[in-house]
C-alpha atoms as a PDB file:
ATOM      1  CA  MET A   1       0.000   0.000   0.000  1.00  0.00           C
ATOM      2  CA  SER A   2       1.503   3.323  -1.035  1.00  0.00           C
ATOM      3  CA  GLU A   3       1.495   6.454   1.093  1.00  0.00           C
ATOM      4  CA  LEU A   4      -1.078   8.029  -1.223  1.00  0.00           C
ATOM      5  CA  THR A   5      -3.582   5.282  -0.501  1.00  0.00           C
ATOM      6  CA  LYS A   6      -3.261   6.155   3.200  1.00  0.00           C
ATOM      7  CA  THR A   7      -4.021   9.853   2.592  1.00  0.00           C
ATOM      8  CA  LEU A   8      -7.267  11.464   3.723  1.00  0.00           C
ATOM      9  CA  LEU A   9      -8.423  14.583   1.897  1.00  0.00           C
ATOM     10  CA  ILE A  10     -10.504  16.968   4.027  1.00  0.00           C
ATOM     11  CA  ASP A  11     -12.464  19.987   2.793  1.00  0.00           C
ATOM     12  CA  ILE A  12     -13.780  22.278   5.512  1.00  0.00           C
ATOM     13  CA  GLY A  13     -16.435  24.365   3.801  1.00  0.00           C
ATOM     14  CA  ASN A  14     -18.768  27.035   5.085  1.00  0.00           C
ATOM     15  CA  SER A  15     -21.641  24.651   5.677  1.00  0.00           C
ATOM     16  CA  ARG A  16     -20.106  21.191   6.111  1.00  0.00           C
ATOM     17  CA  ILE A  17     -16.969  19.088   6.193  1.00  0.00           C
ATOM     18  CA  LYS A  18     -16.304  16.643   3.371  1.00  0.00           C
ATOM     19  CA  CYS A  19     -13.607  14.010   3.205  1.00  0.00           C
ATOM     20  CA  CYS A  20     -12.466  11.094   1.077  1.00  0.00           C
ATOM     21  CA  TYR A  21      -9.485   8.822   0.730  1.00  0.00           C
ATOM     22  CA  TYR A  22      -7.016   9.715  -2.015  1.00  0.00           C
ATOM     23  CA  ASP A  23      -7.454   6.368  -3.755  1.00  0.00           C
ATOM     24  CA  ARG A  24     -11.279   6.534  -3.560  1.00  0.00           C
ATOM     25  CA  LEU A  25     -12.162  10.027  -4.746  1.00  0.00           C
ATOM     26  CA  ASP A  26     -15.658   8.942  -5.753  1.00  0.00           C
ATOM     27  CA  GLU A  27     -16.567   8.022  -2.147  1.00  0.00           C
ATOM     28  CA  VAL A  28     -17.126  11.328  -0.342  1.00  0.00           C
ATOM     29  CA  PHE A  29     -18.130  11.387   3.324  1.00  0.00           C
ATOM     30  CA  TYR A  30     -20.031  14.328   4.779  1.00  0.00           C
ATOM     31  CA  LEU A  31     -19.440  15.143   8.434  1.00  0.00           C
ATOM     32  CA  SER A  32     -21.637  17.099  10.828  1.00  0.00           C
ATOM     33  CA  GLU A  33     -18.936  17.715  13.422  1.00  0.00           C
ATOM     34  CA  ALA A  34     -15.145  17.719  13.372  1.00  0.00           C
ATOM     35  CA  SER A  35     -15.100  14.825  15.851  1.00  0.00           C
ATOM     36  CA  ASP A  36     -16.850  12.624  13.255  1.00  0.00           C
ATOM     37  CA  ILE A  37     -13.489  12.439  11.465  1.00  0.00           C
ATOM     38  CA  LEU A  38     -12.221   9.932  14.037  1.00  0.00           C
ATOM     39  CA  SER A  39     -13.943   6.998  12.367  1.00  0.00           C
ATOM     40  CA  TYR A  40     -12.019   7.673   9.132  1.00  0.00           C
ATOM     41  CA  LEU A  41      -8.515   8.030  10.610  1.00  0.00           C
ATOM     42  CA  LYS A  42      -7.580   4.399  11.299  1.00  0.00           C
ATOM     43  CA  PRO A  43      -5.906   3.603   7.941  1.00  0.00           C
ATOM     44  CA  VAL A  44      -4.537   7.147   7.506  1.00  0.00           C
ATOM     45  CA  THR A  45      -0.919   8.266   7.731  1.00  0.00           C
ATOM     46  CA  HIS A  46      -1.318  11.625   5.946  1.00  0.00           C
ATOM     47  CA  CYS A  47      -4.017  14.292   5.684  1.00  0.00           C
ATOM     48  CA  ILE A  48      -4.439  17.158   3.263  1.00  0.00           C
ATOM     49  CA  ILE A  49      -6.821  19.854   4.474  1.00  0.00           C
ATOM     50  CA  ALA A  50      -8.484  22.682   2.557  1.00  0.00           C
ATOM     51  CA  ALA A  51     -10.412  25.260   4.586  1.00  0.00           C
ATOM     52  CA  VAL A  52     -12.367  28.395   3.698  1.00  0.00           C
ATOM     53  CA  GLY A  53     -12.956  29.995   7.050  1.00  0.00           C
ATOM     54  CA  GLN A  54     -14.394  27.932   9.894  1.00  0.00           C
ATOM     55  CA  GLN A  55     -11.185  28.291  11.886  1.00  0.00           C
ATOM     56  CA  HIS A  56     -12.763  26.520  14.895  1.00  0.00           C
ATOM     57  CA  GLN A  57     -13.449  23.433  12.748  1.00  0.00           C
ATOM     58  CA  LEU A  58      -9.891  23.475  11.405  1.00  0.00           C
ATOM     59  CA  ASN A  59      -8.476  23.755  14.931  1.00  0.00           C
ATOM     60  CA  ALA A  60     -10.699  20.894  16.124  1.00  0.00           C
ATOM     61  CA  ILE A  61      -9.587  18.594  13.296  1.00  0.00           C
ATOM     62  CA  ARG A  62      -5.940  19.480  13.827  1.00  0.00           C
ATOM     63  CA  SER A  63      -6.212  18.591  17.500  1.00  0.00           C
ATOM     64  CA  LEU A  64      -7.814  15.239  16.623  1.00  0.00           C
ATOM     65  CA  LEU A  65      -5.047  14.424  14.172  1.00  0.00           C
END
């Protein structure tokens, strides 16, 4: 398994958080709260985060990582 397959992509938008695994871009997960990310972290060694505001959500996810 390559490092890319262990990468979680996270998009913190204005209304919700979306994430998917790098090797499964067609399977997007929508999260209500930052803490919901925990169930997706087990196989992950890297995360790439995009955020447009919502600094509190970004800080919460960073602390969980």
